[in-house]
């Protein structure tokens, strides 16, 4: 594979500050080295944080993102920076989870995408948010996300 596919990346290989907001974050992509093969890519983010838009209190989630690429892959450092930009961003769980999915779809135009947002409880109620673009592709191994329901101490 030629290194010229990396020439347009602006964040990889350098110290890059965390973007101030998701809107300011740059989600970069690289060419899929296997565009004729259908396969699943999984990102797990067990320490995702954002803020409640009403109280400003922190919210925590375990995100699992699965997608079947076409021509493009999500560049992982840019994804880390994008997800990190939510630390000072106030939005409800549903807006964060579905918004992340839509931003990835916009950036890489995958064949299929699924995101599970497993949010830790606030006020005693965990909120899990799930979004996918349609039926999974036949013949592509897409494992269960493997995040257990919240059980607290019991």
C-alpha atoms as a PDB file:
ATOM      1  CA  UNK A   1       0.000   0.000   0.000  1.00  0.00           C
ATOM      2  CA  UNK A   2       1.331   3.410  -0.919  1.00  0.00           C
ATOM      3  CA  UNK A   3       1.899   6.111   1.701  1.00  0.00           C
ATOM      4  CA  UNK A   4       0.249   8.705  -0.545  1.00  0.00           C
ATOM      5  CA  UNK A   5      -3.178   7.619   0.751  1.00  0.00           C
ATOM      6  CA  UNK A   6      -2.203   9.272   4.038  1.00  0.00           C
ATOM      7  CA  UNK A   7      -1.138  12.622   2.599  1.00  0.00           C
ATOM      8  CA  UNK A   8      -4.428  14.391   3.306  1.00  0.00           C
ATOM      9  CA  UNK A   9      -4.533  13.478   6.999  1.00  0.00           C
ATOM     10  CA  UNK A  10      -4.074  16.504   9.237  1.00  0.00           C
ATOM     11  CA  UNK A  11      -4.080  14.923  12.710  1.00  0.00           C
ATOM     12  CA  UNK A  12      -2.211  11.617  12.494  1.00  0.00           C
ATOM     13  CA  UNK A  13       1.435  11.670  13.546  1.00  0.00           C
ATOM     14  CA  UNK A  14       1.351  15.012  15.332  1.00  0.00           C
ATOM     15  CA  UNK A  15       0.273  16.275  18.719  1.00  0.00           C
ATOM     16  CA  UNK A  16      -3.284  17.448  18.135  1.00  0.00           C
ATOM     17  CA  UNK A  17      -5.337  19.363  20.695  1.00  0.00           C
ATOM     18  CA  UNK A  18      -8.794  18.119  21.625  1.00  0.00           C
ATOM     19  CA  UNK A  19     -11.403  20.024  19.586  1.00  0.00           C
ATOM     20  CA  UNK A  20     -13.542  22.434  21.608  1.00  0.00           C
ATOM     21  CA  UNK A  21     -16.789  20.906  20.315  1.00  0.00           C
ATOM     22  CA  UNK A  22     -18.069  18.111  18.056  1.00  0.00           C
ATOM     23  CA  UNK A  23     -18.895  20.713  15.402  1.00  0.00           C
ATOM     24  CA  UNK A  24     -15.249  21.843  15.331  1.00  0.00           C
ATOM     25  CA  UNK A  25     -13.860  18.299  15.236  1.00  0.00           C
ATOM     26  CA  UNK A  26     -12.540  16.979  11.928  1.00  0.00           C
ATOM     27  CA  UNK A  27     -13.482  13.368  11.232  1.00  0.00           C
ATOM     28  CA  UNK A  28     -10.959  12.102   8.690  1.00  0.00           C
ATOM     29  CA  UNK A  29     -11.042   9.089   6.411  1.00  0.00           C
ATOM     30  CA  UNK A  30      -8.569   6.870   4.604  1.00  0.00           C
ATOM     31  CA  UNK A  31      -9.009   4.683   1.563  1.00  0.00           C
ATOM     32  CA  UNK A  32     -10.257   1.175   2.276  1.00  0.00           C
ATOM     33  CA  UNK A  33      -7.418  -1.218   1.359  1.00  0.00           C
ATOM     34  CA  UNK A  34     -10.006  -3.944   0.641  1.00  0.00           C
ATOM     35  CA  UNK A  35     -12.946  -2.193  -1.056  1.00  0.00           C
ATOM     36  CA  UNK A  36     -14.108  -5.435  -2.715  1.00  0.00           C
ATOM     37  CA  UNK A  37     -14.328  -7.382   0.545  1.00  0.00           C
ATOM     38  CA  UNK A  38     -17.266  -7.055   2.914  1.00  0.00           C
ATOM     39  CA  UNK A  39     -16.054  -6.956   6.529  1.00  0.00           C
ATOM     40  CA  UNK A  40     -17.003  -5.350   9.825  1.00  0.00           C
ATOM     41  CA  UNK A  41     -14.980  -2.681  11.620  1.00  0.00           C
ATOM     42  CA  UNK A  42     -15.630  -2.153  15.339  1.00  0.00           C
ATOM     43  CA  UNK A  43     -14.703   0.768  17.555  1.00  0.00           C
ATOM     44  CA  UNK A  44     -15.305   0.483  21.301  1.00  0.00           C
ATOM     45  CA  UNK A  45     -15.226   3.561  23.488  1.00  0.00           C
ATOM     46  CA  UNK A  46     -15.781   2.423  27.091  1.00  0.00           C
ATOM     47  CA  UNK A  47     -15.091   5.849  28.600  1.00  0.00           C
ATOM     48  CA  UNK A  48     -17.212   8.240  26.520  1.00  0.00           C
ATOM     49  CA  UNK A  49     -18.242  11.403  28.333  1.00  0.00           C
ATOM     50  CA  UNK A  50     -20.548  14.315  27.604  1.00  0.00           C
ATOM     51  CA  UNK A  51     -22.539  16.801  29.654  1.00  0.00           C
ATOM     52  CA  UNK A  52     -26.218  16.959  30.541  1.00  0.00           C
ATOM     53  CA  UNK A  53     -27.555  19.965  28.594  1.00  0.00           C
ATOM     54  CA  UNK A  54     -29.737  21.036  31.528  1.00  0.00           C
ATOM     55  CA  UNK A  55     -27.619  20.494  34.650  1.00  0.00           C
ATOM     56  CA  UNK A  56     -24.109  20.512  33.148  1.00  0.00           C
ATOM     57  CA  UNK A  57     -23.331  17.316  35.088  1.00  0.00           C
ATOM     58  CA  UNK A  58     -21.166  14.700  33.368  1.00  0.00           C
ATOM     59  CA  UNK A  59     -22.735  11.727  31.617  1.00  0.00           C
ATOM     60  CA  UNK A  60     -20.797   8.535  30.900  1.00  0.00           C
ATOM     61  CA  UNK A  61     -21.338   5.838  28.285  1.00  0.00           C
ATOM     62  CA  UNK A  62     -19.780   2.813  26.680  1.00  0.00           C
ATOM     63  CA  UNK A  63     -20.142   3.242  22.908  1.00  0.00           C
ATOM     64  CA  UNK A  64     -19.759   0.384  20.432  1.00  0.00           C
ATOM     65  CA  UNK A  65     -19.681   1.322  16.747  1.00  0.00           C
ATOM     66  CA  UNK A  66     -19.804  -1.321  14.014  1.00  0.00           C
ATOM     67  CA  UNK A  67     -19.688  -0.515  10.319  1.00  0.00           C
ATOM     68  CA  UNK A  68     -19.130  -2.254   6.989  1.00  0.00           C
ATOM     69  CA  UNK A  69     -16.994   0.081   4.859  1.00  0.00           C
ATOM     70  CA  UNK A  70     -17.218   0.788   1.150  1.00  0.00           C
ATOM     71  CA  UNK A  71     -14.451   3.001  -0.231  1.00  0.00           C
ATOM     72  CA  UNK A  72     -13.452   4.704   3.032  1.00  0.00           C
ATOM     73  CA  UNK A  73     -12.398   3.877   6.588  1.00  0.00           C
ATOM     74  CA  UNK A  74     -12.671   6.153   9.616  1.00  0.00           C
ATOM     75  CA  UNK A  75      -9.192   7.305  10.633  1.00  0.00           C
ATOM     76  CA  UNK A  76      -9.041   6.232  14.269  1.00  0.00           C
ATOM     77  CA  UNK A  77      -7.121   9.171  15.776  1.00  0.00           C
ATOM     78  CA  UNK A  78      -9.616  11.615  14.302  1.00  0.00           C
ATOM     79  CA  UNK A  79     -12.435   9.483  15.746  1.00  0.00           C
ATOM     80  CA  UNK A  80     -10.791   9.590  19.197  1.00  0.00           C
ATOM     81  CA  UNK A  81     -10.512  13.367  18.980  1.00  0.00           C
ATOM     82  CA  UNK A  82     -14.099  13.682  17.727  1.00  0.00           C
ATOM     83  CA  UNK A  83     -15.455  11.520  20.551  1.00  0.00           C
ATOM     84  CA  UNK A  84     -13.280  13.373  23.065  1.00  0.00           C
ATOM     85  CA  UNK A  85     -14.761  16.681  21.923  1.00  0.00           C
ATOM     86  CA  UNK A  86     -18.038  15.692  23.596  1.00  0.00           C
ATOM     87  CA  UNK A  87     -16.449  16.099  27.061  1.00  0.00           C
ATOM     88  CA  UNK A  88     -17.557  19.730  27.234  1.00  0.00           C
ATOM     89  CA  UNK A  89     -20.614  19.345  25.009  1.00  0.00           C
ATOM     90  CA  UNK A  90     -24.111  19.345  26.449  1.00  0.00           C
ATOM     91  CA  UNK A  91     -26.650  17.086  24.749  1.00  0.00           C
ATOM     92  CA  UNK A  92     -29.067  14.332  25.639  1.00  0.00           C
ATOM     93  CA  UNK A  93     -28.002  10.691  25.297  1.00  0.00           C
ATOM     94  CA  UNK A  94     -30.125  10.173  22.202  1.00  0.00           C
ATOM     95  CA  UNK A  95     -28.720  13.249  20.452  1.00  0.00           C
ATOM     96  CA  UNK A  96     -25.122  12.223  21.162  1.00  0.00           C
ATOM     97  CA  UNK A  97     -25.517   8.591  20.099  1.00  0.00           C
ATOM     98  CA  UNK A  98     -27.496   9.141  16.888  1.00  0.00           C
ATOM     99  CA  UNK A  99     -25.496  12.271  16.034  1.00  0.00           C
ATOM    100  CA  UNK A 100     -22.235  10.317  16.197  1.00  0.00           C
ATOM    101  CA  UNK A 101     -23.682   7.686  13.855  1.00  0.00           C
ATOM    102  CA  UNK A 102     -24.845  10.285  11.355  1.00  0.00           C
ATOM    103  CA  UNK A 103     -21.479  12.076  11.417  1.00  0.00           C
ATOM    104  CA  UNK A 104     -19.644   8.823  10.644  1.00  0.00           C
ATOM    105  CA  UNK A 105     -22.123   8.043   7.867  1.00  0.00           C
ATOM    106  CA  UNK A 106     -21.531  11.489   6.375  1.00  0.00           C
ATOM    107  CA  UNK A 107     -17.754  11.050   6.531  1.00  0.00           C
ATOM    108  CA  UNK A 108     -17.285   7.529   5.136  1.00  0.00           C
ATOM    109  CA  UNK A 109     -20.600   6.460   3.537  1.00  0.00           C
ATOM    110  CA  UNK A 110     -20.493   2.893   4.888  1.00  0.00           C
ATOM    111  CA  UNK A 111     -22.571   0.040   3.507  1.00  0.00           C
ATOM    112  CA  UNK A 112     -24.004  -0.469   6.980  1.00  0.00           C
ATOM    113  CA  UNK A 113     -23.551   1.049  10.433  1.00  0.00           C
ATOM    114  CA  UNK A 114     -24.736   0.242  13.958  1.00  0.00           C
ATOM    115  CA  UNK A 115     -24.033   2.098  17.196  1.00  0.00           C
ATOM    116  CA  UNK A 116     -24.902   1.074  20.725  1.00  0.00           C
ATOM    117  CA  UNK A 117     -24.783   3.782  23.368  1.00  0.00           C
ATOM    118  CA  UNK A 118     -24.811   2.109  26.788  1.00  0.00           C
ATOM    119  CA  UNK A 119     -25.259   5.056  29.153  1.00  0.00           C
ATOM    120  CA  UNK A 120     -24.597   4.804  32.865  1.00  0.00           C
ATOM    121  CA  UNK A 121     -27.483   5.787  35.126  1.00  0.00           C
ATOM    122  CA  UNK A 122     -28.256   9.237  36.365  1.00  0.00           C
ATOM    123  CA  UNK A 123     -31.245   9.505  38.643  1.00  0.00           C
ATOM    124  CA  UNK A 124     -31.307   5.712  38.903  1.00  0.00           C
ATOM    125  CA  UNK A 125     -32.202   4.991  35.260  1.00  0.00           C
ATOM    126  CA  UNK A 126     -29.682   3.891  32.631  1.00  0.00           C
ATOM    127  CA  UNK A 127     -30.607   4.917  29.089  1.00  0.00           C
ATOM    128  CA  UNK A 128     -29.332   2.751  26.247  1.00  0.00           C
ATOM    129  CA  UNK A 129     -29.607   4.144  22.716  1.00  0.00           C
ATOM    130  CA  UNK A 130     -29.308   1.985  19.591  1.00  0.00           C
ATOM    131  CA  UNK A 131     -29.225   3.055  15.936  1.00  0.00           C
ATOM    132  CA  UNK A 132     -28.524   1.201  12.719  1.00  0.00           C
ATOM    133  CA  UNK A 133     -28.923   1.970   9.051  1.00  0.00           C
ATOM    134  CA  UNK A 134     -30.752  -1.205   8.026  1.00  0.00           C
ATOM    135  CA  UNK A 135     -30.314  -4.943   7.973  1.00  0.00           C
ATOM    136  CA  UNK A 136     -26.759  -6.257   8.452  1.00  0.00           C
ATOM    137  CA  UNK A 137     -25.119  -7.545   5.283  1.00  0.00           C
ATOM    138  CA  UNK A 138     -25.464 -11.271   4.709  1.00  0.00           C
ATOM    139  CA  UNK A 139     -22.194 -13.139   5.055  1.00  0.00           C
ATOM    140  CA  UNK A 140     -20.473 -10.472   7.195  1.00  0.00           C
ATOM    141  CA  UNK A 141     -19.590 -11.546  10.716  1.00  0.00           C
ATOM    142  CA  UNK A 142     -20.996  -8.937  13.076  1.00  0.00           C
ATOM    143  CA  UNK A 143     -20.593 -10.137  16.677  1.00  0.00           C
ATOM    144  CA  UNK A 144     -22.891  -9.116  19.475  1.00  0.00           C
ATOM    145  CA  UNK A 145     -21.740  -5.913  21.096  1.00  0.00           C
ATOM    146  CA  UNK A 146     -21.122  -7.696  24.379  1.00  0.00           C
ATOM    147  CA  UNK A 147     -22.022  -4.863  26.740  1.00  0.00           C
ATOM    148  CA  UNK A 148     -24.132  -6.237  29.586  1.00  0.00           C
ATOM    149  CA  UNK A 149     -27.245  -4.483  30.841  1.00  0.00           C
ATOM    150  CA  UNK A 150     -26.513  -2.221  33.771  1.00  0.00           C
ATOM    151  CA  UNK A 151     -26.844  -4.181  37.030  1.00  0.00           C
ATOM    152  CA  UNK A 152     -25.359  -1.834  39.637  1.00  0.00           C
ATOM    153  CA  UNK A 153     -24.329  -3.816  42.715  1.00  0.00           C
ATOM    154  CA  UNK A 154     -27.051  -6.451  42.485  1.00  0.00           C
END
